[in-house]
Amino acid sequence: MIRVYSPATIGNISVGFDTLGIAISPIDNSNFGDIVEIKEHKKFEIKNIGKFSEQLPVVFTENIIWKCWKYFCKKINKKISVLITLEKNMPIGSGLGSSACSISASLVAMNEFCKKPLSKKELLNIMGRLEGEISGNIHYDNVAPCFLGGLQIILQSKKYISQSIPYFKNWKWVVAWPGTNVSTSKARKILPKRYKLHTCIEHSRNLAGFIHSSYSAQQKLAISFIKDIIAEPYRMKYIPGFLKMRKNLKKEGSIGFGISGSGPTIFSICNNTESANSISKWLEKNYLINNQGFVKICKVNNKGTVIKR
């Protein structure tokens, strides 16, 4: 039997639409992601458990685990008879890389079960394609950090799909999911097909500035570039009181704020525990809609998807 854990992620980080992603874990080191267990079985079968398992498709062939199994078997040219148990701990359509968690954990588990026939690059390539089936186009800003850990910049070149870049270890990442869902494909369709030239130039400047700041360890400069002029102006309508929330959280000590992935989860960056606690309390009181919603104070997860012993 093999058990694999994949962490939650923040895609885009405002400044890097479809280009940046970061893996996160709660500062108390509790699990914040999906767990997949795989073992030999007389036939292929999926079992769904966990807090958010009821959100998964009822139809067998619509389950992302089935799609992972199908892709993997095709790649190795062999059908494997296994029982895969998905412990679904991440809400679907939350903006925290829920599908990336399931995809990464299941593919790593299958690869480990079959004695690692596929390389990391081959696995990551499949992960991106499966993400594309869900969102409408291939992208790696969730699966790359989920699989590899840390802060990843997506290159999608012939040689590299993504590369790790430095991150600020003292930053606390407070994420809040209100308890509602936003479809990734819906959130992509709302974006314009064309952008004005000055918007493209400013976006490039911000992303380049953030990467430079990360490599040169200039925290204040890095924060100044965390702006989303590509998706946030259109997606904020899915988050009631978004601009007011940004203003209030700044008073609580937030130094950076944005939409995690497609939302409705938001993230707030702070550089000390006191501010993180203050921001967390404010969000619990003012942003959560139901008892399923949550707020987590996180740090960067630099391990990514791991086999649990």
Protein backbone atom coordinates (compact mmCIF):
# COMPACT_ATOMS: atom_id res chain seq x y z
CA MET A 1 0.00 0.00 0.00
CA ILE A 2 1.19 3.52 -0.85
CA ARG A 3 -0.08 6.78 0.67
CA VAL A 4 0.68 10.13 -0.96
CA TYR A 5 -0.03 13.67 0.27
CA SER A 6 -0.32 16.76 -1.96
CA PRO A 7 -0.53 20.30 -0.52
CA ALA A 8 -2.80 23.24 -1.30
CA THR A 9 -1.49 25.97 -3.58
CA ILE A 10 -2.00 29.63 -4.39
CA GLY A 11 -2.02 30.12 -8.15
CA ASN A 12 -1.08 33.43 -9.85
CA ILE A 13 -0.10 35.24 -6.61
CA SER A 14 -1.75 38.25 -8.28
CA VAL A 15 1.31 39.32 -10.27
CA GLY A 16 1.85 36.09 -12.24
CA PHE A 17 -1.32 35.03 -14.05
CA ASP A 18 -0.82 31.40 -15.17
CA THR A 19 2.88 31.95 -14.49
CA LEU A 20 3.43 31.79 -10.71
CA GLY A 21 2.25 29.35 -8.08
CA ILE A 22 3.23 28.52 -4.52
CA ALA A 23 2.65 25.47 -2.32
CA ILE A 24 1.45 26.19 1.21
CA SER A 25 1.01 24.39 4.53
CA PRO A 26 -0.45 25.59 7.86
CA ILE A 27 2.12 26.85 10.34
CA ASP A 28 0.91 24.20 12.80
CA ASN A 29 2.07 21.56 10.26
CA SER A 30 -1.41 20.04 9.94
CA ASN A 31 -2.50 18.49 6.64
CA PHE A 32 -3.93 20.99 4.16
CA GLY A 33 -4.32 19.00 0.98
CA ASP A 34 -5.52 15.69 -0.46
CA ILE A 35 -4.30 12.20 0.41
CA VAL A 36 -4.37 9.29 -2.04
CA GLU A 37 -3.93 5.68 -1.01
CA ILE A 38 -3.30 2.99 -3.62
CA LYS A 39 -3.11 -0.78 -3.30
CA GLU A 40 -3.40 -3.85 -5.49
CA HIS A 41 -6.97 -4.91 -6.27
CA LYS A 42 -8.80 -7.37 -8.50
CA LYS A 43 -10.00 -4.51 -10.70
CA PHE A 44 -9.67 -0.73 -10.94
CA GLU A 45 -11.84 0.94 -8.33
CA ILE A 46 -12.15 4.37 -6.70
CA LYS A 47 -13.25 5.07 -3.15
CA ASN A 48 -13.93 8.65 -2.08
CA ILE A 49 -13.69 9.72 1.55
CA GLY A 50 -12.91 12.97 3.38
CA LYS A 51 -14.64 16.19 4.33
CA PHE A 52 -15.32 17.31 0.76
CA SER A 53 -15.89 13.93 -0.91
CA GLU A 54 -19.57 14.76 -1.46
CA GLN A 55 -18.51 17.48 -3.90
CA LEU A 56 -16.98 14.89 -6.25
CA PRO A 57 -18.84 13.78 -9.41
CA VAL A 58 -21.26 10.89 -9.02
CA VAL A 59 -20.49 9.59 -12.51
CA PHE A 60 -17.43 7.33 -12.30
CA THR A 61 -15.78 8.50 -15.53
CA GLU A 62 -16.03 12.18 -14.51
CA ASN A 63 -13.86 11.64 -11.46
CA ILE A 64 -10.42 13.19 -11.95
CA ILE A 65 -8.85 10.07 -10.39
CA TRP A 66 -10.28 7.93 -13.17
CA LYS A 67 -8.85 10.34 -15.74
CA CYS A 68 -5.44 10.18 -14.04
CA TRP A 69 -5.56 6.38 -14.13
CA LYS A 70 -6.57 6.39 -17.81
CA TYR A 71 -3.73 8.79 -18.80
CA PHE A 72 -1.18 6.93 -16.74
CA CYS A 73 -2.11 3.49 -18.12
CA LYS A 74 -1.97 4.83 -21.66
CA LYS A 75 1.46 6.33 -21.01
CA ILE A 76 2.96 3.08 -19.66
CA ASN A 77 0.93 0.96 -22.11
CA LYS A 78 -0.48 -1.19 -19.35
CA LYS A 79 -3.68 -1.26 -17.30
CA ILE A 80 -3.06 -1.55 -13.58
CA SER A 81 -5.68 -3.13 -11.32
CA VAL A 82 -5.73 -1.03 -8.16
CA LEU A 83 -8.02 0.37 -5.51
CA ILE A 84 -7.45 4.10 -5.16
CA THR A 85 -8.84 5.84 -2.09
CA LEU A 86 -9.06 9.61 -2.37
CA GLU A 87 -9.27 11.48 0.90
CA LYS A 88 -10.74 14.73 -0.40
CA ASN A 89 -9.74 17.39 2.11
CA MET A 90 -9.79 20.35 -0.28
CA PRO A 91 -13.03 22.02 -1.44
CA ILE A 92 -13.63 21.97 -5.20
CA GLY A 93 -13.75 25.36 -6.93
CA SER A 94 -12.10 27.08 -3.97
CA GLY A 95 -9.07 28.60 -5.69
CA LEU A 96 -6.64 26.50 -3.63
CA GLY A 97 -5.63 24.01 -6.30
CA SER A 98 -8.09 21.31 -5.29
CA SER A 99 -7.90 19.49 -8.62
CA ALA A 100 -4.10 19.83 -8.63
CA CYS A 101 -3.98 18.12 -5.22
CA SER A 102 -5.94 15.10 -6.48
CA ILE A 103 -4.07 14.92 -9.79
CA SER A 104 -0.60 15.19 -8.29
CA ALA A 105 -1.25 12.76 -5.43
CA SER A 106 -2.85 10.11 -7.63
CA LEU A 107 -0.22 10.21 -10.40
CA VAL A 108 2.68 10.09 -7.94
CA ALA A 109 0.98 7.17 -6.14
CA MET A 110 0.48 5.25 -9.41
CA ASN A 111 4.05 5.93 -10.50
CA GLU A 112 5.41 4.75 -7.15
CA PHE A 113 3.17 1.66 -7.25
CA CYS A 114 4.56 0.75 -10.68
CA LYS A 115 8.22 1.27 -9.64
CA LYS A 116 8.58 4.76 -11.18
CA PRO A 117 8.32 4.18 -14.94
CA LEU A 118 7.77 7.91 -15.58
CA SER A 119 10.15 10.80 -14.90
CA LYS A 120 9.16 13.92 -12.98
CA LYS A 121 8.90 15.89 -16.22
CA GLU A 122 6.63 13.25 -17.78
CA LEU A 123 4.42 13.27 -14.70
CA LEU A 124 4.23 17.06 -14.65
CA ASN A 125 3.34 17.11 -18.33
CA ILE A 126 0.38 14.78 -17.69
CA MET A 127 -0.67 16.86 -14.68
CA GLY A 128 -0.88 19.99 -16.80
CA ARG A 129 -2.94 18.25 -19.46
CA LEU A 130 -5.40 16.94 -16.89
CA GLU A 131 -5.71 20.40 -15.34
CA GLY A 132 -6.51 21.66 -18.82
CA GLU A 133 -9.43 19.28 -19.09
CA ILE A 134 -10.96 20.87 -16.02
CA SER A 135 -10.25 24.55 -16.60
CA GLY A 136 -10.36 24.72 -20.40
CA ASN A 137 -6.67 25.08 -21.21
CA ILE A 138 -3.35 23.60 -20.08
CA HIS A 139 -1.71 25.44 -17.19
CA TYR A 140 0.78 24.50 -14.49
CA ASP A 141 0.57 27.24 -11.87
CA ASN A 142 -1.14 24.88 -9.41
CA VAL A 143 0.17 21.43 -10.35
CA ALA A 144 3.84 22.50 -10.53
CA PRO A 145 4.09 23.87 -6.97
CA CYS A 146 1.76 21.14 -5.69
CA PHE A 147 4.04 18.47 -7.16
CA LEU A 148 7.44 20.10 -6.67
CA GLY A 149 6.85 22.42 -3.71
CA GLY A 150 8.02 25.99 -3.11
CA LEU A 151 7.46 28.97 -5.40
CA GLN A 152 7.43 27.97 -9.06
CA ILE A 153 7.60 30.05 -12.21
CA ILE A 154 6.02 28.35 -15.21
CA LEU A 155 8.26 28.39 -18.29
CA GLN A 156 6.73 25.72 -20.54
CA SER A 157 9.84 25.63 -22.70
CA LYS A 158 11.17 22.56 -24.49
CA LYS A 159 13.65 21.93 -21.70
CA TYR A 160 11.75 23.06 -18.59
CA ILE A 161 8.10 23.22 -17.61
CA SER A 162 8.76 25.14 -14.41
CA GLN A 163 11.59 26.30 -12.19
CA SER A 164 11.84 27.10 -8.48
CA ILE A 165 12.54 30.69 -7.51
CA PRO A 166 13.50 32.14 -4.10
CA TYR A 167 10.76 33.10 -1.64
CA PHE A 168 10.67 35.09 1.59
CA LYS A 169 10.66 32.61 4.46
CA ASN A 170 9.37 35.09 7.03
CA TRP A 171 6.15 35.77 5.13
CA LYS A 172 2.94 34.33 6.55
CA TRP A 173 0.24 33.51 4.00
CA VAL A 174 -3.26 33.83 5.44
CA VAL A 175 -5.85 32.16 3.19
CA ALA A 176 -9.60 32.35 3.68
CA TRP A 177 -12.21 30.28 1.86
CA PRO A 178 -15.74 31.62 2.56
CA GLY A 179 -17.48 28.30 1.98
CA THR A 180 -18.70 28.97 -1.57
CA ASN A 181 -17.35 27.83 -4.94
CA VAL A 182 -16.29 29.42 -8.22
CA SER A 183 -15.83 27.35 -11.37
CA THR A 184 -12.32 27.72 -12.79
CA SER A 185 -13.59 27.54 -16.37
CA LYS A 186 -16.25 30.18 -15.59
CA ALA A 187 -13.63 32.43 -14.00
CA ARG A 188 -11.47 32.14 -17.13
CA LYS A 189 -14.31 32.84 -19.54
CA ILE A 190 -15.07 36.15 -17.86
CA LEU A 191 -11.64 37.50 -18.82
CA PRO A 192 -11.28 39.61 -21.98
CA LYS A 193 -9.74 37.98 -25.04
CA ARG A 194 -7.64 41.09 -25.72
CA TYR A 195 -5.85 43.58 -23.46
CA LYS A 196 -4.62 47.09 -24.16
CA LEU A 197 -0.92 47.56 -24.86
CA HIS A 198 -0.24 49.61 -21.72
CA THR A 199 -1.86 46.86 -19.59
CA CYS A 200 0.45 44.23 -21.11
CA ILE A 201 3.51 46.43 -20.55
CA GLU A 202 2.59 47.12 -16.92
CA HIS A 203 1.89 43.43 -16.26
CA SER A 204 5.29 42.46 -17.71
CA ARG A 205 7.00 45.15 -15.63
CA ASN A 206 5.32 43.95 -12.44
CA LEU A 207 6.17 40.29 -13.02
CA ALA A 208 9.77 41.06 -13.96
CA GLY A 209 10.06 43.33 -10.92
CA PHE A 210 8.73 40.65 -8.59
CA ILE A 211 11.16 38.01 -9.94
CA HIS A 212 14.08 40.43 -9.63
CA SER A 213 13.04 41.34 -6.08
CA SER A 214 12.77 37.66 -5.12
CA TYR A 215 16.28 36.89 -6.35
CA SER A 216 17.77 40.03 -4.80
CA ALA A 217 15.91 39.49 -1.47
CA GLN A 218 14.18 42.89 -1.52
CA GLN A 219 10.94 42.27 0.37
CA LYS A 220 9.40 45.74 0.18
CA LEU A 221 10.12 45.95 -3.53
CA ALA A 222 8.63 42.50 -4.11
CA ILE A 223 5.43 43.50 -2.27
CA SER A 224 5.11 46.65 -4.36
CA PHE A 225 4.84 44.52 -7.51
CA ILE A 226 2.14 42.13 -6.23
CA LYS A 227 -0.67 43.61 -8.31
CA ASP A 228 -3.20 41.90 -10.55
CA ILE A 229 -4.26 43.97 -13.54
CA ILE A 230 -5.12 40.92 -15.67
CA ALA A 231 -7.77 38.95 -13.77
CA GLU A 232 -8.63 40.72 -10.52
CA PRO A 233 -10.57 43.64 -12.08
CA TYR A 234 -12.98 41.11 -13.61
CA ARG A 235 -13.02 38.38 -10.96
CA MET A 236 -13.51 40.60 -7.94
CA LYS A 237 -17.24 40.66 -8.63
CA TYR A 238 -17.34 37.06 -7.37
CA ILE A 239 -16.00 38.31 -4.02
CA PRO A 240 -18.41 40.73 -2.29
CA GLY A 241 -16.72 43.70 -0.66
CA PHE A 242 -13.34 42.85 -2.15
CA LEU A 243 -11.90 46.37 -2.22
CA LYS A 244 -13.21 47.19 1.25
CA MET A 245 -11.70 43.95 2.55
CA ARG A 246 -8.28 44.86 1.13
CA LYS A 247 -8.46 48.23 2.91
CA ASN A 248 -9.52 46.70 6.24
CA LEU A 249 -6.89 43.97 6.15
CA LYS A 250 -4.17 46.53 5.52
CA LYS A 251 -5.15 48.11 8.84
CA GLU A 252 -4.71 44.69 10.45
CA GLY A 253 -1.15 44.38 9.13
CA SER A 254 -1.53 42.95 5.62
CA ILE A 255 1.30 43.90 3.27
CA GLY A 256 -0.06 42.01 0.25
CA PHE A 257 -3.53 40.89 -0.76
CA GLY A 258 -5.20 39.15 -3.69
CA ILE A 259 -7.37 36.39 -5.08
CA SER A 260 -6.01 32.87 -4.78
CA GLY A 261 -6.27 31.29 -8.22
CA SER A 262 -9.77 31.82 -9.58
CA GLY A 263 -11.21 32.49 -6.11
CA PRO A 264 -13.25 32.81 -4.03
CA THR A 265 -10.36 32.12 -1.61
CA ILE A 266 -8.35 35.25 -0.90
CA PHE A 267 -4.80 35.44 0.42
CA SER A 268 -3.15 38.04 2.62
CA ILE A 269 0.60 38.31 3.19
CA CYS A 270 2.09 39.56 6.45
CA ASN A 271 5.56 39.45 7.94
CA ASN A 272 4.83 38.66 11.59
CA THR A 273 2.68 36.29 13.64
CA GLU A 274 0.78 39.08 15.43
CA SER A 275 -0.52 40.49 12.15
CA ALA A 276 -1.33 37.01 10.86
CA ASN A 277 -3.48 36.31 13.92
CA SER A 278 -5.22 39.68 13.65
CA ILE A 279 -5.96 39.16 9.95
CA SER A 280 -7.18 35.63 10.61
CA LYS A 281 -9.64 36.81 13.26
CA TRP A 282 -10.96 39.59 11.01
CA LEU A 283 -11.55 37.16 8.14
CA GLU A 284 -13.25 34.61 10.38
CA LYS A 285 -15.66 37.30 11.52
CA ASN A 286 -16.23 39.12 8.23
CA TYR A 287 -15.59 36.78 5.29
CA LEU A 288 -16.80 33.28 6.14
CA ILE A 289 -20.35 32.59 4.93
CA ASN A 290 -21.01 29.16 6.44
CA ASN A 291 -19.48 26.62 8.83
CA GLN A 292 -17.58 24.91 6.00
CA GLY A 293 -15.51 28.02 5.37
CA PHE A 294 -12.08 28.32 6.97
CA VAL A 295 -9.10 30.55 7.55
CA LYS A 296 -5.56 29.15 7.65
CA ILE A 297 -2.29 30.83 8.56
CA CYS A 298 0.28 29.21 6.29
CA LYS A 299 3.93 29.08 5.36
CA VAL A 300 5.52 27.95 2.11
CA ASN A 301 5.58 24.18 1.66
CA ASN A 302 8.94 23.42 0.02
CA LYS A 303 8.43 19.65 -0.23
CA GLY A 304 5.38 19.42 -2.49
CA THR A 305 3.83 16.01 -3.03
CA VAL A 306 5.32 13.41 -0.70
CA ILE A 307 4.92 9.74 0.09
CA LYS A 308 3.60 9.28 3.62
CA ARG A 309 5.33 6.53 5.56
